[in-house]
Amino acid sequence: MAMPAEPAESHPENGDEALFQFRKSVLTMVRGSRRDLSLRQLAVILTCYTSGLQTVRGLSAVLRVQKPVITRAIDVLIAHKMARRIPDPADGRSVLVELTYAGKTFCMSLGRSRLPTR
């Protein structure tokens, strides 16, 4: 069965440049990346990338979801070697989420729509 023709790339109209770029990034992720991240996981990794080290509690507040939801998202990012947990020096009971080199590279690549395949 033949694949349907892909619509031609068009220039965004009506101020939709950000949406156009987002679509381009998502298509690149779907087509070429081995990492299959949910929107929630993307929100976690992008929050860590733009805001630096985060606690589970902080991520939970920013995303407005319960802490177990954040923990599961972080577990996936760790499995993909995109993040790691490190001790919080300010609170020994807490951990911080830190992006690895792979996680930072992934985030930087989103804006360029050229995602790494590993």
PDB file of N, CA and C in Angstrom:
ATOM      1  N   MET A   1       0.847  -1.173   0.000  1.00  0.00           N
ATOM      2  CA  MET A   1       0.000   0.000   0.000  1.00  0.00           C
ATOM      3  C   MET A   1       0.894   1.238   0.000  1.00  0.00           C
ATOM      4  N   ALA A   2       0.623   2.177  -0.856  1.00  0.00           N
ATOM      5  CA  ALA A   2       1.443   3.379  -0.981  1.00  0.00           C
ATOM      6  C   ALA A   2       1.176   4.326   0.182  1.00  0.00           C
ATOM      7  N   MET A   3       2.247   4.975   0.617  1.00  0.00           N
ATOM      8  CA  MET A   3       2.120   5.965   1.684  1.00  0.00           C
ATOM      9  C   MET A   3       1.468   7.221   1.119  1.00  0.00           C
ATOM     10  N   PRO A   4       0.607   7.884   1.898  1.00  0.00           N
ATOM     11  CA  PRO A   4       0.016   9.123   1.409  1.00  0.00           C
ATOM     12  C   PRO A   4       1.102  10.181   1.249  1.00  0.00           C
ATOM     13  N   ALA A   5       0.906  11.033   0.273  1.00  0.00           N
ATOM     14  CA  ALA A   5       1.881  12.102   0.033  1.00  0.00           C
ATOM     15  C   ALA A   5       1.907  13.046   1.221  1.00  0.00           C
ATOM     16  N   GLU A   6       3.106  13.464   1.557  1.00  0.00           N
ATOM     17  CA  GLU A   6       3.269  14.402   2.655  1.00  0.00           C
ATOM     18  C   GLU A   6       2.955  15.798   2.156  1.00  0.00           C
ATOM     19  N   PRO A   7       2.233  16.583   2.955  1.00  0.00           N
ATOM     20  CA  PRO A   7       1.943  17.945   2.513  1.00  0.00           C
ATOM     21  C   PRO A   7       3.239  18.732   2.369  1.00  0.00           C
ATOM     22  N   ALA A   8       3.251  19.609   1.391  1.00  0.00           N
ATOM     23  CA  ALA A   8       4.440  20.434   1.167  1.00  0.00           C
ATOM     24  C   ALA A   8       4.659  21.349   2.364  1.00  0.00           C
ATOM     25  N   GLU A   9       5.918  21.577   2.699  1.00  0.00           N
ATOM     26  CA  GLU A   9       6.244  22.509   3.765  1.00  0.00           C
ATOM     27  C   GLU A   9       5.823  23.899   3.323  1.00  0.00           C
ATOM     28  N   SER A  10       5.136  24.579   4.153  1.00  0.00           N
ATOM     29  CA  SER A  10       4.733  25.938   3.817  1.00  0.00           C
ATOM     30  C   SER A  10       5.228  26.875   4.903  1.00  0.00           C
ATOM     31  N   HIS A  11       5.317  28.117   4.556  1.00  0.00           N
ATOM     32  CA  HIS A  11       5.762  29.098   5.536  1.00  0.00           C
ATOM     33  C   HIS A  11       4.598  29.420   6.456  1.00  0.00           C
ATOM     34  N   PRO A  12       4.872  29.525   7.750  1.00  0.00           N
ATOM     35  CA  PRO A  12       3.783  29.807   8.692  1.00  0.00           C
ATOM     36  C   PRO A  12       3.160  31.177   8.436  1.00  0.00           C
ATOM     37  N   GLU A  13       1.871  31.234   8.678  1.00  0.00           N
ATOM     38  CA  GLU A  13       1.143  32.487   8.521  1.00  0.00           C
ATOM     39  C   GLU A  13       0.524  32.870   9.854  1.00  0.00           C
ATOM     40  N   ASN A  14       0.107  34.071   9.964  1.00  0.00           N
ATOM     41  CA  ASN A  14      -0.628  34.566  11.131  1.00  0.00           C
ATOM     42  C   ASN A  14       0.136  34.405  12.443  1.00  0.00           C
ATOM     43  N   GLY A  15       1.439  34.599  12.419  1.00  0.00           N
ATOM     44  CA  GLY A  15       2.209  34.560  13.657  1.00  0.00           C
ATOM     45  C   GLY A  15       2.400  33.181  14.248  1.00  0.00           C
ATOM     46  N   ASP A  16       2.304  32.137  13.439  1.00  0.00           N
ATOM     47  CA  ASP A  16       2.419  30.774  13.934  1.00  0.00           C
ATOM     48  C   ASP A  16       3.843  30.231  13.838  1.00  0.00           C
ATOM     49  N   GLU A  17       4.838  31.078  13.860  1.00  0.00           N
ATOM     50  CA  GLU A  17       6.227  30.643  13.708  1.00  0.00           C
ATOM     51  C   GLU A  17       6.615  29.629  14.796  1.00  0.00           C
ATOM     52  N   ALA A  18       6.227  29.881  16.042  1.00  0.00           N
ATOM     53  CA  ALA A  18       6.581  28.964  17.127  1.00  0.00           C
ATOM     54  C   ALA A  18       5.909  27.606  16.921  1.00  0.00           C
ATOM     55  N   LEU A  19       4.667  27.607  16.507  1.00  0.00           N
ATOM     56  CA  LEU A  19       3.951  26.358  16.265  1.00  0.00           C
ATOM     57  C   LEU A  19       4.560  25.609  15.085  1.00  0.00           C
ATOM     58  N   PHE A  20       4.932  26.325  14.045  1.00  0.00           N
ATOM     59  CA  PHE A  20       5.587  25.735  12.883  1.00  0.00           C
ATOM     60  C   PHE A  20       6.900  25.066  13.302  1.00  0.00           C
ATOM     61  N   GLN A  21       7.692  25.759  14.121  1.00  0.00           N
ATOM     62  CA  GLN A  21       8.963  25.208  14.585  1.00  0.00           C
ATOM     63  C   GLN A  21       8.734  23.991  15.490  1.00  0.00           C
ATOM     64  N   PHE A  22       7.708  24.061  16.333  1.00  0.00           N
ATOM     65  CA  PHE A  22       7.396  22.935  17.201  1.00  0.00           C
ATOM     66  C   PHE A  22       7.026  21.708  16.366  1.00  0.00           C
ATOM     67  N   ARG A  23       6.203  21.902  15.359  1.00  0.00           N
ATOM     68  CA  ARG A  23       5.816  20.805  14.472  1.00  0.00           C
ATOM     69  C   ARG A  23       7.044  20.199  13.803  1.00  0.00           C
ATOM     70  N   LYS A  24       7.924  21.050  13.341  1.00  0.00           N
ATOM     71  CA  LYS A  24       9.141  20.589  12.683  1.00  0.00           C
ATOM     72  C   LYS A  24       9.989  19.751  13.649  1.00  0.00           C
ATOM     73  N   SER A  25      10.104  20.202  14.881  1.00  0.00           N
ATOM     74  CA  SER A  25      10.867  19.454  15.887  1.00  0.00           C
ATOM     75  C   SER A  25      10.214  18.119  16.206  1.00  0.00           C
ATOM     76  N   VAL A  26       8.892  18.112  16.346  1.00  0.00           N
ATOM     77  CA  VAL A  26       8.175  16.873  16.651  1.00  0.00           C
ATOM     78  C   VAL A  26       8.324  15.878  15.498  1.00  0.00           C
ATOM     79  N   LEU A  27       8.188  16.358  14.275  1.00  0.00           N
ATOM     80  CA  LEU A  27       8.353  15.463  13.128  1.00  0.00           C
ATOM     81  C   LEU A  27       9.757  14.865  13.101  1.00  0.00           C
ATOM     82  N   THR A  28      10.744  15.663  13.393  1.00  0.00           N
ATOM     83  CA  THR A  28      12.120  15.163  13.429  1.00  0.00           C
ATOM     84  C   THR A  28      12.265  14.099  14.504  1.00  0.00           C
ATOM     85  N   MET A  29      11.663  14.327  15.681  1.00  0.00           N
ATOM     86  CA  MET A  29      11.740  13.347  16.763  1.00  0.00           C
ATOM     87  C   MET A  29      11.065  12.044  16.356  1.00  0.00           C
ATOM     88  N   VAL A  30       9.895  12.149  15.773  1.00  0.00           N
ATOM     89  CA  VAL A  30       9.126  10.958  15.399  1.00  0.00           C
ATOM     90  C   VAL A  30       9.835  10.166  14.308  1.00  0.00           C
ATOM     91  N   ARG A  31      10.411  10.865  13.366  1.00  0.00           N
ATOM     92  CA  ARG A  31      11.025  10.203  12.225  1.00  0.00           C
ATOM     93  C   ARG A  31      12.396   9.609  12.508  1.00  0.00           C
ATOM     94  N   GLY A  32      13.173  10.243  13.370  1.00  0.00           N
ATOM     95  CA  GLY A  32      14.551   9.801  13.447  1.00  0.00           C
ATOM     96  C   GLY A  32      15.090   9.453  14.807  1.00  0.00           C
ATOM     97  N   SER A  33      14.447   9.846  15.848  1.00  0.00           N
ATOM     98  CA  SER A  33      15.015   9.632  17.171  1.00  0.00           C
ATOM     99  C   SER A  33      14.626   8.267  17.719  1.00  0.00           C
ATOM    100  N   ARG A  34      15.534   7.651  18.411  1.00  0.00           N
ATOM    101  CA  ARG A  34      15.227   6.388  19.084  1.00  0.00           C
ATOM    102  C   ARG A  34      14.546   6.636  20.422  1.00  0.00           C
ATOM    103  N   ARG A  35      14.533   7.873  20.844  1.00  0.00           N
ATOM    104  CA  ARG A  35      13.905   8.222  22.118  1.00  0.00           C
ATOM    105  C   ARG A  35      12.445   8.568  21.866  1.00  0.00           C
ATOM    106  N   ASP A  36      11.573   7.859  22.514  1.00  0.00           N
ATOM    107  CA  ASP A  36      10.147   8.108  22.367  1.00  0.00           C
ATOM    108  C   ASP A  36       9.657   8.721  23.666  1.00  0.00           C
ATOM    109  N   LEU A  37       9.682  10.042  23.747  1.00  0.00           N
ATOM    110  CA  LEU A  37       9.309  10.730  24.975  1.00  0.00           C
ATOM    111  C   LEU A  37       7.880  11.262  24.876  1.00  0.00           C
ATOM    112  N   SER A  38       7.171  11.163  25.994  1.00  0.00           N
ATOM    113  CA  SER A  38       5.820  11.718  26.063  1.00  0.00           C
ATOM    114  C   SER A  38       5.929  13.237  26.240  1.00  0.00           C
ATOM    115  N   LEU A  39       4.803  13.905  26.110  1.00  0.00           N
ATOM    116  CA  LEU A  39       4.802  15.349  26.343  1.00  0.00           C
ATOM    117  C   LEU A  39       5.212  15.677  27.772  1.00  0.00           C
ATOM    118  N   ARG A  40       4.792  14.862  28.716  1.00  0.00           N
ATOM    119  CA  ARG A  40       5.155  15.097  30.113  1.00  0.00           C
ATOM    120  C   ARG A  40       6.663  14.955  30.303  1.00  0.00           C
ATOM    121  N   GLN A  41       7.248  13.927  29.704  1.00  0.00           N
ATOM    122  CA  GLN A  41       8.694  13.736  29.798  1.00  0.00           C
ATOM    123  C   GLN A  41       9.438  14.881  29.117  1.00  0.00           C
ATOM    124  N   LEU A  42       8.908  15.342  27.980  1.00  0.00           N
ATOM    125  CA  LEU A  42       9.501  16.506  27.312  1.00  0.00           C
ATOM    126  C   LEU A  42       9.415  17.740  28.198  1.00  0.00           C
ATOM    127  N   ALA A  43       8.284  17.921  28.877  1.00  0.00           N
ATOM    128  CA  ALA A  43       8.131  19.065  29.768  1.00  0.00           C
ATOM    129  C   ALA A  43       9.150  19.010  30.903  1.00  0.00           C
ATOM    130  N   VAL A  44       9.386  17.820  31.441  1.00  0.00           N
ATOM    131  CA  VAL A  44      10.366  17.670  32.524  1.00  0.00           C
ATOM    132  C   VAL A  44      11.768  18.000  32.020  1.00  0.00           C
ATOM    133  N   ILE A  45      12.162  17.411  30.890  1.00  0.00           N
ATOM    134  CA  ILE A  45      13.525  17.625  30.410  1.00  0.00           C
ATOM    135  C   ILE A  45      13.736  19.083  29.994  1.00  0.00           C
ATOM    136  N   LEU A  46      12.736  19.695  29.375  1.00  0.00           N
ATOM    137  CA  LEU A  46      12.876  21.089  28.966  1.00  0.00           C
ATOM    138  C   LEU A  46      12.884  22.036  30.157  1.00  0.00           C
ATOM    139  N   THR A  47      12.138  21.714  31.207  1.00  0.00           N
ATOM    140  CA  THR A  47      12.173  22.524  32.426  1.00  0.00           C
ATOM    141  C   THR A  47      13.545  22.450  33.071  1.00  0.00           C
ATOM    142  N   CYS A  48      14.103  21.257  33.134  1.00  0.00           N
ATOM    143  CA  CYS A  48      15.457  21.106  33.691  1.00  0.00           C
ATOM    144  C   CYS A  48      16.488  21.833  32.826  1.00  0.00           C
ATOM    145  N   TYR A  49      16.296  21.788  31.529  1.00  0.00           N
ATOM    146  CA  TYR A  49      17.252  22.438  30.620  1.00  0.00           C
ATOM    147  C   TYR A  49      17.202  23.959  30.754  1.00  0.00           C
ATOM    148  N   THR A  50      15.991  24.508  30.829  1.00  0.00           N
ATOM    149  CA  THR A  50      15.856  25.962  30.864  1.00  0.00           C
ATOM    150  C   THR A  50      16.012  26.556  32.257  1.00  0.00           C
ATOM    151  N   SER A  51      15.770  25.747  33.297  1.00  0.00           N
ATOM    152  CA  SER A  51      15.797  26.280  34.663  1.00  0.00           C
ATOM    153  C   SER A  51      16.898  25.697  35.537  1.00  0.00           C
ATOM    154  N   GLY A  52      17.651  24.746  35.041  1.00  0.00           N
ATOM    155  CA  GLY A  52      18.724  24.151  35.830  1.00  0.00           C
ATOM    156  C   GLY A  52      18.233  23.037  36.731  1.00  0.00           C
ATOM    157  N   LEU A  53      19.022  22.720  37.728  1.00  0.00           N
ATOM    158  CA  LEU A  53      18.700  21.623  38.648  1.00  0.00           C
ATOM    159  C   LEU A  53      17.314  21.806  39.251  1.00  0.00           C
ATOM    160  N   GLN A  54      16.581  20.710  39.339  1.00  0.00           N
ATOM    161  CA  GLN A  54      15.215  20.739  39.856  1.00  0.00           C
ATOM    162  C   GLN A  54      15.003  19.624  40.863  1.00  0.00           C
ATOM    163  N   THR A  55      14.166  19.893  41.842  1.00  0.00           N
ATOM    164  CA  THR A  55      13.711  18.832  42.740  1.00  0.00           C
ATOM    165  C   THR A  55      12.436  18.229  42.153  1.00  0.00           C
ATOM    166  N   VAL A  56      12.103  17.035  42.625  1.00  0.00           N
ATOM    167  CA  VAL A  56      10.843  16.412  42.212  1.00  0.00           C
ATOM    168  C   VAL A  56       9.683  17.312  42.628  1.00  0.00           C
ATOM    169  N   ARG A  57       9.772  17.849  43.825  1.00  0.00           N
ATOM    170  CA  ARG A  57       8.717  18.740  44.321  1.00  0.00           C
ATOM    171  C   ARG A  57       8.573  19.973  43.428  1.00  0.00           C
ATOM    172  N   GLY A  58       9.699  20.550  43.032  1.00  0.00           N
ATOM    173  CA  GLY A  58       9.673  21.725  42.171  1.00  0.00           C
ATOM    174  C   GLY A  58       9.078  21.416  40.807  1.00  0.00           C
ATOM    175  N   LEU A  59       9.479  20.293  40.232  1.00  0.00           N
ATOM    176  CA  LEU A  59       8.921  19.891  38.938  1.00  0.00           C
ATOM    177  C   LEU A  59       7.428  19.625  39.057  1.00  0.00           C
ATOM    178  N   SER A  60       7.038  19.007  40.164  1.00  0.00           N
ATOM    179  CA  SER A  60       5.628  18.724  40.407  1.00  0.00           C
ATOM    180  C   SER A  60       4.825  20.024  40.448  1.00  0.00           C
ATOM    181  N   ALA A  61       5.370  21.038  41.089  1.00  0.00           N
ATOM    182  CA  ALA A  61       4.678  22.327  41.178  1.00  0.00           C
ATOM    183  C   ALA A  61       4.603  23.011  39.814  1.00  0.00           C
ATOM    184  N   VAL A  62       5.688  22.987  39.073  1.00  0.00           N
ATOM    185  CA  VAL A  62       5.714  23.640  37.755  1.00  0.00           C
ATOM    186  C   VAL A  62       4.746  22.968  36.785  1.00  0.00           C
ATOM    187  N   LEU A  63       4.761  21.636  36.759  1.00  0.00           N
ATOM    188  CA  LEU A  63       3.900  20.906  35.826  1.00  0.00           C
ATOM    189  C   LEU A  63       2.481  20.699  36.361  1.00  0.00           C
ATOM    190  N   ARG A  64       2.284  20.978  37.659  1.00  0.00           N
ATOM    191  CA  ARG A  64       0.983  20.831  38.314  1.00  0.00           C
ATOM    192  C   ARG A  64       0.459  19.405  38.240  1.00  0.00           C
ATOM    193  N   VAL A  65       1.365  18.468  38.535  1.00  0.00           N
ATOM    194  CA  VAL A  65       0.996  17.059  38.628  1.00  0.00           C
ATOM    195  C   VAL A  65       1.573  16.513  39.926  1.00  0.00           C
ATOM    196  N   GLN A  66       1.115  15.342  40.326  1.00  0.00           N
ATOM    197  CA  GLN A  66       1.588  14.753  41.573  1.00  0.00           C
ATOM    198  C   GLN A  66       3.018  14.238  41.439  1.00  0.00           C
ATOM    199  N   LYS A  67       3.715  14.167  42.559  1.00  0.00           N
ATOM    200  CA  LYS A  67       5.122  13.749  42.555  1.00  0.00           C
ATOM    201  C   LYS A  67       5.351  12.367  41.942  1.00  0.00           C
ATOM    202  N   PRO A  68       4.486  11.369  42.163  1.00  0.00           N
ATOM    203  CA  PRO A  68       4.730  10.066  41.515  1.00  0.00           C
ATOM    204  C   PRO A  68       4.749  10.151  39.982  1.00  0.00           C
ATOM    205  N   VAL A  69       3.983  11.066  39.424  1.00  0.00           N
ATOM    206  CA  VAL A  69       3.963  11.259  37.975  1.00  0.00           C
ATOM    207  C   VAL A  69       5.331  11.767  37.506  1.00  0.00           C
ATOM    208  N   ILE A  70       5.886  12.707  38.256  1.00  0.00           N
ATOM    209  CA  ILE A  70       7.213  13.250  37.935  1.00  0.00           C
ATOM    210  C   ILE A  70       8.271  12.163  38.095  1.00  0.00           C
ATOM    211  N   THR A  71       8.170  11.382  39.149  1.00  0.00           N
ATOM    212  CA  THR A  71       9.133  10.309  39.385  1.00  0.00           C
ATOM    213  C   THR A  71       9.160   9.334  38.210  1.00  0.00           C
ATOM    214  N   ARG A  72       7.994   8.971  37.693  1.00  0.00           N
ATOM    215  CA  ARG A  72       7.940   8.065  36.541  1.00  0.00           C
ATOM    216  C   ARG A  72       8.570   8.704  35.304  1.00  0.00           C
ATOM    217  N   ALA A  73       8.314   9.987  35.092  1.00  0.00           N
ATOM    218  CA  ALA A  73       8.910  10.687  33.942  1.00  0.00           C
ATOM    219  C   ALA A  73      10.426  10.732  34.076  1.00  0.00           C
ATOM    220  N   ILE A  74      10.909  10.998  35.265  1.00  0.00           N
ATOM    221  CA  ILE A  74      12.357  11.035  35.506  1.00  0.00           C
ATOM    222  C   ILE A  74      12.957   9.649  35.288  1.00  0.00           C
ATOM    223  N   ASP A  75      12.268   8.610  35.735  1.00  0.00           N
ATOM    224  CA  ASP A  75      12.757   7.238  35.530  1.00  0.00           C
ATOM    225  C   ASP A  75      12.972   6.944  34.048  1.00  0.00           C
ATOM    226  N   VAL A  76      12.058   7.412  33.199  1.00  0.00           N
ATOM    227  CA  VAL A  76      12.207   7.201  31.754  1.00  0.00           C
ATOM    228  C   VAL A  76      13.417   7.968  31.237  1.00  0.00           C
ATOM    229  N   LEU A  77      13.565   9.216  31.670  1.00  0.00           N
ATOM    230  CA  LEU A  77      14.716  10.014  31.223  1.00  0.00           C
ATOM    231  C   LEU A  77      16.026   9.378  31.666  1.00  0.00           C
ATOM    232  N   ILE A  78      16.047   8.813  32.859  1.00  0.00           N
ATOM    233  CA  ILE A  78      17.243   8.119  33.345  1.00  0.00           C
ATOM    234  C   ILE A  78      17.504   6.868  32.509  1.00  0.00           C
ATOM    235  N   ALA A  79      16.448   6.135  32.182  1.00  0.00           N
ATOM    236  CA  ALA A  79      16.600   4.934  31.349  1.00  0.00           C
ATOM    237  C   ALA A  79      17.181   5.287  29.977  1.00  0.00           C
ATOM    238  N   HIS A  80      16.850   6.469  29.474  1.00  0.00           N
ATOM    239  CA  HIS A  80      17.382   6.944  28.190  1.00  0.00           C
ATOM    240  C   HIS A  80      18.753   7.625  28.367  1.00  0.00           C
ATOM    241  N   LYS A  81      19.257   7.630  29.593  1.00  0.00           N
ATOM    242  CA  LYS A  81      20.542   8.264  29.919  1.00  0.00           C
ATOM    243  C   LYS A  81      20.539   9.760  29.620  1.00  0.00           C
ATOM    244  N   MET A  82      19.382  10.383  29.803  1.00  0.00           N
ATOM    245  CA  MET A  82      19.246  11.811  29.556  1.00  0.00           C
ATOM    246  C   MET A  82      19.258  12.628  30.847  1.00  0.00           C
ATOM    247  N   ALA A  83      19.106  11.963  31.980  1.00  0.00           N
ATOM    248  CA  ALA A  83      19.078  12.652  33.270  1.00  0.00           C
ATOM    249  C   ALA A  83      19.633  11.719  34.338  1.00  0.00           C
ATOM    250  N   ARG A  84      19.926  12.311  35.486  1.00  0.00           N
ATOM    251  CA  ARG A  84      20.359  11.525  36.647  1.00  0.00           C
ATOM    252  C   ARG A  84      19.897  12.244  37.913  1.00  0.00           C
ATOM    253  N   ARG A  85      19.794  11.465  38.969  1.00  0.00           N
ATOM    254  CA  ARG A  85      19.466  12.030  40.278  1.00  0.00           C
ATOM    255  C   ARG A  85      20.772  12.249  41.034  1.00  0.00           C
ATOM    256  N   ILE A  86      20.881  13.408  41.672  1.00  0.00           N
ATOM    257  CA  ILE A  86      22.048  13.689  42.514  1.00  0.00           C
ATOM    258  C   ILE A  86      21.547  14.174  43.870  1.00  0.00           C
ATOM    259  N   PRO A  87      22.325  13.974  44.920  1.00  0.00           N
ATOM    260  CA  PRO A  87      21.892  14.436  46.245  1.00  0.00           C
ATOM    261  C   PRO A  87      21.733  15.959  46.265  1.00  0.00           C
ATOM    262  N   ASP A  88      20.739  16.420  46.999  1.00  0.00           N
ATOM    263  CA  ASP A  88      20.529  17.859  47.176  1.00  0.00           C
ATOM    264  C   ASP A  88      21.371  18.310  48.366  1.00  0.00           C
ATOM    265  N   PRO A  89      22.406  19.118  48.133  1.00  0.00           N
ATOM    266  CA  PRO A  89      23.266  19.532  49.246  1.00  0.00           C
ATOM    267  C   PRO A  89      22.533  20.375  50.287  1.00  0.00           C
ATOM    268  N   ALA A  90      21.438  21.010  49.898  1.00  0.00           N
ATOM    269  CA  ALA A  90      20.690  21.840  50.834  1.00  0.00           C
ATOM    270  C   ALA A  90      19.711  21.038  51.685  1.00  0.00           C
ATOM    271  N   ASP A  91      19.366  19.832  51.234  1.00  0.00           N
ATOM    272  CA  ASP A  91      18.388  19.006  51.951  1.00  0.00           C
ATOM    273  C   ASP A  91      18.738  17.541  51.697  1.00  0.00           C
ATOM    274  N   GLY A  92      19.345  16.903  52.670  1.00  0.00           N
ATOM    275  CA  GLY A  92      19.792  15.524  52.529  1.00  0.00           C
ATOM    276  C   GLY A  92      18.682  14.535  52.246  1.00  0.00           C
ATOM    277  N   ARG A  93      17.428  14.920  52.487  1.00  0.00           N
ATOM    278  CA  ARG A  93      16.303  14.022  52.233  1.00  0.00           C
ATOM    279  C   ARG A  93      15.832  14.088  50.789  1.00  0.00           C
ATOM    280  N   SER A  94      16.333  15.049  50.043  1.00  0.00           N
ATOM    281  CA  SER A  94      15.845  15.311  48.696  1.00  0.00           C
ATOM    282  C   SER A  94      16.921  15.022  47.654  1.00  0.00           C
ATOM    283  N   VAL A  95      16.490  14.866  46.417  1.00  0.00           N
ATOM    284  CA  VAL A  95      17.430  14.712  45.299  1.00  0.00           C
ATOM    285  C   VAL A  95      17.133  15.789  44.269  1.00  0.00           C
ATOM    286  N   LEU A  96      18.135  16.070  43.466  1.00  0.00           N
ATOM    287  CA  LEU A  96      17.991  17.005  42.363  1.00  0.00           C
ATOM    288  C   LEU A  96      18.051  16.223  41.056  1.00  0.00           C
ATOM    289  N   VAL A  97      17.351  16.712  40.067  1.00  0.00           N
ATOM    290  CA  VAL A  97      17.394  16.114  38.735  1.00  0.00           C
ATOM    291  C   VAL A  97      18.364  16.946  37.909  1.00  0.00           C
ATOM    292  N   GLU A  98      19.354  16.262  37.368  1.00  0.00           N
ATOM    293  CA  GLU A  98      20.371  16.925  36.552  1.00  0.00           C
ATOM    294  C   GLU A  98      20.385  16.271  35.176  1.00  0.00           C
ATOM    295  N   LEU A  99      20.468  17.082  34.132  1.00  0.00           N
ATOM    296  CA  LEU A  99      20.553  16.521  32.786  1.00  0.00           C
ATOM    297  C   LEU A  99      21.967  16.039  32.513  1.00  0.00           C
ATOM    298  N   THR A 100      22.062  14.950  31.803  1.00  0.00           N
ATOM    299  CA  THR A 100      23.355  14.447  31.353  1.00  0.00           C
ATOM    300  C   THR A 100      23.728  15.185  30.064  1.00  0.00           C
ATOM    301  N   TYR A 101      24.905  14.902  29.577  1.00  0.00           N
ATOM    302  CA  TYR A 101      25.326  15.477  28.304  1.00  0.00           C
ATOM    303  C   TYR A 101      24.328  15.110  27.204  1.00  0.00           C
ATOM    304  N   ALA A 102      23.877  13.852  27.203  1.00  0.00           N
ATOM    305  CA  ALA A 102      22.899  13.406  26.192  1.00  0.00           C
ATOM    306  C   ALA A 102      21.592  14.180  26.314  1.00  0.00           C
ATOM    307  N   GLY A 103      21.151  14.443  27.534  1.00  0.00           N
ATOM    308  CA  GLY A 103      19.916  15.202  27.740  1.00  0.00           C
ATOM    309  C   GLY A 103      20.048  16.641  27.277  1.00  0.00           C
ATOM    310  N   LYS A 104      21.190  17.259  27.579  1.00  0.00           N
ATOM    311  CA  LYS A 104      21.425  18.639  27.139  1.00  0.00           C
ATOM    312  C   LYS A 104      21.519  18.714  25.624  1.00  0.00           C
ATOM    313  N   THR A 105      22.200  17.737  25.030  1.00  0.00           N
ATOM    314  CA  THR A 105      22.330  17.702  23.571  1.00  0.00           C
ATOM    315  C   THR A 105      20.963  17.541  22.915  1.00  0.00           C
ATOM    316  N   PHE A 106      20.145  16.676  23.487  1.00  0.00           N
ATOM    317  CA  PHE A 106      18.792  16.466  22.980  1.00  0.00           C
ATOM    318  C   PHE A 106      18.016  17.781  22.984  1.00  0.00           C
ATOM    319  N   CYS A 107      18.060  18.498  24.091  1.00  0.00           N
ATOM    320  CA  CYS A 107      17.324  19.769  24.196  1.00  0.00           C
ATOM    321  C   CYS A 107      17.853  20.807  23.215  1.00  0.00           C
ATOM    322  N   MET A 108      19.158  20.907  23.104  1.00  0.00           N
ATOM    323  CA  MET A 108      19.741  21.867  22.160  1.00  0.00           C
ATOM    324  C   MET A 108      19.333  21.524  20.731  1.00  0.00           C
ATOM    325  N   SER A 109      19.225  20.241  20.449  1.00  0.00           N
ATOM    326  CA  SER A 109      18.878  19.799  19.105  1.00  0.00           C
ATOM    327  C   SER A 109      17.429  20.093  18.743  1.00  0.00           C
ATOM    328  N   LEU A 110      16.564  20.220  19.727  1.00  0.00           N
ATOM    329  CA  LEU A 110      15.161  20.490  19.430  1.00  0.00           C
ATOM    330  C   LEU A 110      14.997  21.778  18.636  1.00  0.00           C
ATOM    331  N   GLY A 111      15.720  22.800  19.034  1.00  0.00           N
ATOM    332  CA  GLY A 111      15.611  24.081  18.346  1.00  0.00           C
ATOM    333  C   GLY A 111      16.142  24.041  16.928  1.00  0.00           C
ATOM    334  N   ARG A 112      17.062  23.127  16.691  1.00  0.00           N
ATOM    335  CA  ARG A 112      17.641  23.003  15.351  1.00  0.00           C
ATOM    336  C   ARG A 112      16.945  21.925  14.541  1.00  0.00           C
ATOM    337  N   SER A 113      16.039  21.184  15.174  1.00  0.00           N
ATOM    338  CA  SER A 113      15.301  20.090  14.532  1.00  0.00           C
ATOM    339  C   SER A 113      16.223  19.049  13.921  1.00  0.00           C
ATOM    340  N   ARG A 114      17.350  18.804  14.588  1.00  0.00           N
ATOM    341  CA  ARG A 114      18.261  17.739  14.167  1.00  0.00           C
ATOM    342  C   ARG A 114      18.596  16.935  15.417  1.00  0.00           C
ATOM    343  N   LEU A 115      17.766  15.990  15.726  1.00  0.00           N
ATOM    344  CA  LEU A 115      17.941  15.207  16.939  1.00  0.00           C
ATOM    345  C   LEU A 115      18.980  14.116  16.749  1.00  0.00           C
ATOM    346  N   PRO A 116      19.768  13.865  17.784  1.00  0.00           N
ATOM    347  CA  PRO A 116      20.691  12.747  17.705  1.00  0.00           C
ATOM    348  C   PRO A 116      19.925  11.433  17.676  1.00  0.00           C
ATOM    349  N   THR A 117      20.485  10.423  17.043  1.00  0.00           N
ATOM    350  CA  THR A 117      19.789   9.143  16.938  1.00  0.00           C
ATOM    351  C   THR A 117      20.205   8.188  18.019  1.00  0.00           C
ATOM    352  N   ARG A 118      21.027   8.579  18.942  1.00  0.00           N
ATOM    353  CA  ARG A 118      21.432   7.722  20.053  1.00  0.00           C
ATOM    354  C   ARG A 118      21.095   8.344  21.359  1.00  0.00           C
TER     355      ARG A 118
END
